[in-house]
Amino acid sequence: MKNVTELRNELSNVFGELRKGELDVQQAKAIVATSNAMLKSAQLEMEHSKMTSSTKTIAFLKTL
């Protein structure tokens, strides 16, 4: 995933595949856990930037 938009789209695909029975529940859980880790990492980066008054762009959150 290059950014949060791609992550969101992938999670929508995972949800669709899970509903159709095309994806195992354990696989879906693993994907969601990985996604949560990616989002937590971006959140920590945002908090760090805020605390240090950094204006550095967080590439993962940049969607345009």
Protein backbone atom coordinates (compact mmCIF):
# COMPACT_ATOMS: atom_id res chain seq x y z
CA MET A 1 0.00 0.00 0.00
CA LYS A 2 1.37 3.35 -0.95
CA ASN A 3 -1.21 5.40 0.91
CA VAL A 4 -4.29 5.31 3.09
CA THR A 5 -6.63 5.49 0.08
CA GLU A 6 -5.15 2.29 -1.35
CA LEU A 7 -5.45 0.69 2.07
CA ARG A 8 -9.11 1.67 2.34
CA ASN A 9 -9.82 0.26 -1.12
CA GLU A 10 -8.05 -2.98 -0.29
CA LEU A 11 -10.01 -3.35 2.94
CA SER A 12 -13.24 -2.85 0.99
CA ASN A 13 -12.14 -5.63 -1.35
CA VAL A 14 -11.34 -7.88 1.61
CA PHE A 15 -14.78 -7.23 3.07
CA GLY A 16 -16.42 -8.06 -0.26
CA GLU A 17 -14.44 -11.27 -0.68
CA LEU A 18 -15.23 -12.30 2.87
CA ARG A 19 -18.95 -11.75 2.36
CA LYS A 20 -18.86 -13.82 -0.83
CA GLY A 21 -17.01 -16.62 0.92
CA GLU A 22 -13.99 -16.13 -1.32
CA LEU A 23 -11.67 -15.33 1.59
CA ASP A 24 -10.98 -17.30 4.73
CA VAL A 25 -11.85 -15.53 7.99
CA GLN A 26 -8.33 -16.08 9.34
CA GLN A 27 -6.82 -14.46 6.24
CA ALA A 28 -9.18 -11.50 6.58
CA LYS A 29 -8.23 -11.12 10.25
CA ALA A 30 -4.54 -11.14 9.35
CA ILE A 31 -5.08 -8.47 6.70
CA VAL A 32 -7.05 -6.31 9.12
CA ALA A 33 -4.40 -6.71 11.82
CA THR A 34 -1.71 -5.64 9.38
CA SER A 35 -3.84 -2.69 8.28
CA ASN A 36 -4.30 -1.63 11.89
CA ALA A 37 -0.54 -1.74 12.42
CA MET A 38 -0.02 0.45 9.34
CA LEU A 39 -2.59 2.97 10.56
CA LYS A 40 -1.14 3.00 14.08
CA SER A 41 2.29 3.68 12.63
CA ALA A 42 0.94 6.64 10.65
CA GLN A 43 -0.86 7.90 13.76
CA LEU A 44 2.36 7.74 15.78
CA GLU A 45 4.17 9.60 13.03
CA MET A 46 1.48 12.31 13.10
CA GLU A 47 1.71 12.62 16.87
CA HIS A 48 5.49 12.87 16.67
CA SER A 49 5.27 15.56 14.01
CA LYS A 50 2.80 17.49 16.14
CA MET A 51 4.98 17.25 19.25
CA THR A 52 8.09 18.37 17.38
CA SER A 53 6.27 21.02 15.32
CA SER A 54 7.48 19.26 12.19
CA THR A 55 5.92 20.17 8.86
CA LYS A 56 7.20 17.01 7.17
CA THR A 57 4.60 15.40 4.93
CA ILE A 58 3.57 11.89 5.91
CA ALA A 59 3.66 10.08 2.58
CA PHE A 60 1.21 7.35 3.65
CA LEU A 61 -1.46 9.96 4.41
CA LYS A 62 -0.92 11.91 1.20
CA THR A 63 -3.62 10.88 -1.24
CA LEU A 64 -3.24 13.34 -4.10
